Amino acid sequence: MNPQPHHRDPETFSLFGLRVGRKTEIIALAAFTLSIGGLVVQAVNLVRGAVVQVFPSDQIVISSTNKLGRRYVEEQNRVAFIAAMDYVNTGDVGYNAVIRQERILVSAGGRPIEHRWYEFGSSDIDDTGALVFKRDSEARPFPINAGSAVSHETLFTPWEIDCAENDTACDPRANYWKWDAFLQTMKATPELTVTTTGVVYGGRTITATCVVRLRPWEIDVLEKVGWLAPACIDTSTGGPVQRKGPEKTAQP
């Protein structure tokens, strides 16, 4: 007896060994595929979360605390820094972030000092040509929503180092750089490496680094005027360096 030939239903097709109805089940299959794809995208975004980046500052304001009017009683004249802090969050919608602290690390002549955020505001020149920092608010945590950017200027200030009780090599006031000593360092080694840091709520830190290379006339301005806003070069770009000429720097 000859076996009967197997006739396949023309209304179905095979997918990975399964028979799928062409008219009705293809719709359910498409919905199932889309749902799986959506779950995969959600899982990727969940792992990726907020994607926050801080950009290197285009320029750094270097000033003595005397010129800024931020010298406190019985405190010696010291160096202060103001930097533009520019952030972007490229995370997917709903994945926002909060910056809980900002820091700036400046290294020159083999000496690193770290300052922390103090005030938000804007640096400017008043009618007399003096440097002023217009305070907007005290430094405080702020959100960066997904798909958005946030920019502001931050005035930084030194904080004492929490030295161990028996650590005689640790100087709790090492971050307080006297203005005269800073000027002497610039004359000997006229380059500063500046690293700005944002601490994201949750423990992650983001950083950006640029380099300030002071020319002789800029050091003269620092010494005579008491402040300067030199360009800070993002060395990671590899592009041409655009530097400001002396005519754009405040004169006494």
Protein backbone atom coordinates (compact mmCIF):
# COMPACT_ATOMS: atom_id res chain seq x y z
CA MET A 1 0.00 0.00 0.00
CA ASN A 2 1.51 3.31 -1.07
CA PRO A 3 1.63 6.11 1.56
CA GLN A 4 -0.56 9.05 0.88
CA PRO A 5 1.39 12.23 -0.05
CA HIS A 6 1.48 14.89 2.68
CA HIS A 7 -0.41 17.98 1.62
CA ARG A 8 0.59 21.24 3.31
CA ASP A 9 -2.05 23.77 4.08
CA PRO A 10 -1.52 26.63 1.59
CA GLU A 11 -2.85 29.03 4.21
CA THR A 12 0.14 28.42 6.53
CA PHE A 13 3.90 28.71 6.36
CA SER A 14 6.77 27.34 8.40
CA LEU A 15 8.75 29.57 10.82
CA PHE A 16 11.46 27.86 12.85
CA GLY A 17 9.54 24.57 12.56
CA LEU A 18 6.21 26.09 13.55
CA ARG A 19 3.20 26.32 11.27
CA VAL A 20 1.93 29.87 11.22
CA GLY A 21 -1.43 30.84 9.74
CA ARG A 22 -1.06 33.44 7.05
CA LYS A 23 -4.28 35.29 7.71
CA THR A 24 -4.58 35.58 11.45
CA GLU A 25 -1.50 34.33 13.26
CA ILE A 26 0.85 36.60 11.28
CA ILE A 27 -0.68 39.58 13.09
CA ALA A 28 -0.08 37.98 16.48
CA LEU A 29 3.47 37.07 15.42
CA ALA A 30 4.20 40.67 14.39
CA ALA A 31 2.83 41.96 17.71
CA PHE A 32 4.92 39.41 19.59
CA THR A 33 8.07 40.41 17.68
CA LEU A 34 7.46 44.10 18.34
CA SER A 35 6.88 43.47 22.04
CA ILE A 36 10.12 41.50 22.30
CA GLY A 37 11.95 44.30 20.49
CA GLY A 38 10.45 46.84 22.88
CA LEU A 39 11.53 44.83 25.91
CA VAL A 40 15.07 44.63 24.54
CA VAL A 41 15.19 48.41 23.99
CA GLN A 42 13.85 49.04 27.51
CA ALA A 43 16.42 46.68 28.99
CA VAL A 44 19.24 48.44 27.12
CA ASN A 45 18.03 51.87 28.25
CA LEU A 46 17.65 50.63 31.82
CA VAL A 47 21.26 49.50 31.86
CA ARG A 48 22.40 52.64 30.04
CA GLY A 49 20.39 55.02 32.23
CA ALA A 50 21.25 58.71 32.21
CA VAL A 51 24.30 59.49 30.07
CA VAL A 52 25.79 62.71 31.47
CA GLN A 53 28.90 64.40 30.11
CA VAL A 54 30.74 67.53 31.25
CA PHE A 55 32.65 69.57 28.69
CA PRO A 56 36.06 71.20 29.21
CA SER A 57 35.83 74.89 30.06
CA ASP A 58 36.76 77.29 27.25
CA GLN A 59 38.37 79.65 29.72
CA ILE A 60 39.18 79.80 33.41
CA VAL A 61 38.99 82.95 35.49
CA ILE A 62 42.03 83.13 37.76
CA SER A 63 41.80 85.77 40.46
CA SER A 64 43.07 86.77 43.84
CA THR A 65 40.48 86.71 46.60
CA ASN A 66 41.21 90.41 47.18
CA LYS A 67 40.02 91.28 43.68
CA LEU A 68 36.91 89.13 44.04
CA GLY A 69 36.03 90.59 47.40
CA ARG A 70 36.00 87.08 48.86
CA ARG A 71 38.79 87.53 51.38
CA TYR A 72 37.59 86.77 54.87
CA VAL A 73 38.77 88.19 58.19
CA GLU A 74 42.32 87.11 59.10
CA GLU A 75 42.64 85.17 55.85
CA GLN A 76 45.59 85.79 53.55
CA ASN A 77 45.16 86.75 49.91
CA ARG A 78 44.93 83.52 47.92
CA VAL A 79 44.10 82.27 44.43
CA ALA A 80 40.51 81.56 43.38
CA PHE A 81 39.05 79.98 40.25
CA ILE A 82 35.83 80.48 38.29
CA ALA A 83 34.90 77.98 35.57
CA ALA A 84 32.03 77.47 33.17
CA MET A 85 30.42 74.11 33.87
CA ASP A 86 28.62 72.76 30.79
CA TYR A 87 26.69 69.47 30.94
CA VAL A 88 24.61 67.37 28.54
CA ASN A 89 22.46 64.31 29.21
CA THR A 90 22.05 62.13 26.12
CA GLY A 91 20.07 59.47 27.98
CA ASP A 92 16.65 58.35 26.73
CA VAL A 93 13.47 60.12 27.83
CA GLY A 94 12.82 59.62 31.54
CA TYR A 95 16.44 58.95 32.48
CA ASN A 96 17.29 62.16 34.30
CA ALA A 97 20.29 62.84 36.53
CA VAL A 98 21.23 65.09 39.45
CA ILE A 99 24.62 66.72 39.96
CA ARG A 100 25.28 66.69 43.70
CA GLN A 101 28.72 68.36 43.76
CA GLU A 102 31.30 70.09 41.55
CA ARG A 103 35.05 70.21 42.00
CA ILE A 104 38.03 71.67 40.19
CA LEU A 105 41.54 70.23 40.35
CA VAL A 106 44.36 72.56 39.26
CA SER A 107 47.91 71.27 38.91
CA ALA A 108 50.90 73.55 38.34
CA GLY A 109 54.57 73.24 39.15
CA GLY A 110 54.03 69.76 40.55
CA ARG A 111 51.44 71.00 43.04
CA PRO A 112 47.82 69.82 42.76
CA ILE A 113 45.09 71.74 44.61
CA GLU A 114 41.41 70.94 44.73
CA HIS A 115 38.58 73.42 45.24
CA ARG A 116 34.87 72.68 45.66
CA TRP A 117 31.82 74.54 44.46
CA TYR A 118 30.86 77.61 46.44
CA GLU A 119 28.53 79.87 44.44
CA PHE A 120 26.74 79.92 41.08
CA GLY A 121 26.75 83.19 39.15
CA SER A 122 28.45 85.05 36.32
CA SER A 123 31.78 86.81 36.03
CA ASP A 124 31.84 90.27 34.48
CA ILE A 125 33.64 93.61 34.43
CA ASP A 126 32.06 96.63 36.07
CA ASP A 127 32.22 100.25 34.87
CA THR A 128 35.62 100.74 36.45
CA GLY A 129 37.12 97.70 34.74
CA ALA A 130 37.18 95.65 37.93
CA LEU A 131 36.31 91.97 38.02
CA VAL A 132 33.00 91.13 39.69
CA PHE A 133 31.25 87.84 40.28
CA LYS A 134 27.48 88.33 40.27
CA ARG A 135 26.09 85.72 42.61
CA ASP A 136 22.93 83.90 41.50
CA SER A 137 22.74 81.41 44.36
CA GLU A 138 24.76 79.23 46.65
CA ALA A 139 26.09 76.05 45.06
CA ARG A 140 23.48 73.30 45.35
CA PRO A 141 22.40 70.08 43.60
CA PHE A 142 20.57 70.52 40.29
CA PRO A 143 18.88 68.21 37.76
CA ILE A 144 19.86 67.50 34.16
CA ASN A 145 16.88 66.08 32.34
CA ALA A 146 17.28 63.57 29.55
CA GLY A 147 17.93 65.17 26.18
CA SER A 148 18.88 68.53 27.68
CA ALA A 149 21.93 70.62 28.54
CA VAL A 150 22.74 72.79 31.56
CA SER A 151 25.38 75.54 31.79
CA HIS A 152 26.47 77.93 34.51
CA GLU A 153 29.56 79.52 36.03
CA THR A 154 30.83 78.26 39.36
CA LEU A 155 33.04 80.05 41.85
CA PHE A 156 35.16 77.46 43.64
CA THR A 157 36.76 77.66 47.06
CA PRO A 158 39.33 75.52 48.91
CA TRP A 159 38.37 73.04 51.59
CA GLU A 160 40.58 71.68 54.31
CA ILE A 161 41.93 68.17 53.85
CA ASP A 162 40.78 65.62 56.41
CA CYS A 163 44.21 64.38 57.49
CA ALA A 164 44.66 61.31 59.62
CA GLU A 165 45.55 62.13 63.22
CA ASN A 166 49.12 60.80 63.00
CA ASP A 167 49.82 61.78 59.38
CA THR A 168 52.48 64.46 59.84
CA ALA A 169 53.10 64.63 56.07
CA CYS A 170 49.52 65.75 55.43
CA ASP A 171 48.85 69.49 55.37
CA PRO A 172 45.16 70.18 56.03
CA ARG A 173 45.46 73.58 54.31
CA ALA A 174 47.38 72.39 51.25
CA ASN A 175 44.50 73.49 48.99
CA TYR A 176 44.87 77.11 50.14
CA TRP A 177 47.35 78.59 47.64
CA LYS A 178 48.65 82.03 48.58
CA TRP A 179 48.46 84.52 45.73
CA ASP A 180 52.13 85.55 45.85
CA ALA A 181 53.25 81.92 45.88
CA PHE A 182 50.95 81.17 42.94
CA LEU A 183 52.47 84.04 40.93
CA GLN A 184 55.98 82.75 41.59
CA THR A 185 54.95 79.30 40.38
CA MET A 186 53.47 80.77 37.19
CA LYS A 187 56.69 82.62 36.46
CA ALA A 188 58.67 79.41 36.81
CA THR A 189 56.14 77.01 35.22
CA PRO A 190 53.48 78.93 33.26
CA GLU A 191 51.12 76.01 32.65
CA LEU A 192 48.10 74.73 34.55
CA THR A 193 46.25 71.49 34.00
CA VAL A 194 42.61 72.00 34.92
CA THR A 195 40.22 69.11 35.56
CA THR A 196 36.58 69.94 36.27
CA THR A 197 34.44 67.27 37.92
CA GLY A 198 30.74 66.73 38.37
CA VAL A 199 29.58 64.18 40.93
CA VAL A 200 26.38 62.51 39.76
CA TYR A 201 23.90 61.45 42.43
CA GLY A 202 24.45 57.73 42.83
CA GLY A 203 28.23 57.91 43.11
CA ARG A 204 29.46 58.27 39.52
CA THR A 205 31.85 61.11 38.64
CA ILE A 206 32.36 62.77 35.26
CA THR A 207 35.45 64.81 34.39
CA ALA A 208 36.88 67.01 31.66
CA THR A 209 40.43 68.33 31.35
CA CYS A 210 41.94 71.36 29.64
CA VAL A 211 45.30 73.15 29.79
CA VAL A 212 46.08 76.83 30.41
CA ARG A 213 49.40 78.00 28.97
CA LEU A 214 50.22 81.49 30.16
CA ARG A 215 52.39 83.76 28.03
CA PRO A 216 54.69 86.39 29.57
CA TRP A 217 52.26 89.28 29.01
CA GLU A 218 49.47 87.28 30.67
CA ILE A 219 51.60 86.67 33.75
CA ASP A 220 52.31 90.42 33.84
CA VAL A 221 48.57 91.12 33.81
CA LEU A 222 48.01 88.62 36.62
CA GLU A 223 50.65 90.36 38.71
CA LYS A 224 49.54 93.92 37.98
CA VAL A 225 45.76 93.56 37.73
CA GLY A 226 45.20 90.62 40.06
CA TRP A 227 43.08 88.51 37.72
CA LEU A 228 42.94 87.04 34.22
CA ALA A 229 40.58 84.97 32.09
CA PRO A 230 42.90 82.91 29.85
CA ALA A 231 41.81 80.30 27.32
CA CYS A 232 41.78 76.71 28.54
CA ILE A 233 42.65 74.37 25.69
CA ASP A 234 40.88 71.05 25.27
CA THR A 235 43.90 69.00 24.22
CA SER A 236 41.74 66.00 23.29
CA THR A 237 40.31 67.70 20.20
CA GLY A 238 43.59 67.87 18.30
CA GLY A 239 42.34 70.96 16.45
CA PRO A 240 44.01 74.36 16.01
CA VAL A 241 44.38 76.43 19.13
CA GLN A 242 42.64 79.80 19.05
CA ARG A 243 44.23 82.17 21.54
CA LYS A 244 43.13 85.60 22.61
CA GLY A 245 45.41 88.55 22.13
CA PRO A 246 46.38 91.09 24.79
CA GLU A 247 43.86 93.61 23.54
CA LYS A 248 41.04 91.44 24.92
CA THR A 249 42.44 91.26 28.42
CA ALA A 250 41.42 93.79 31.04
CA GLN A 251 43.96 96.49 31.75
CA PRO A 252 44.49 98.17 35.13
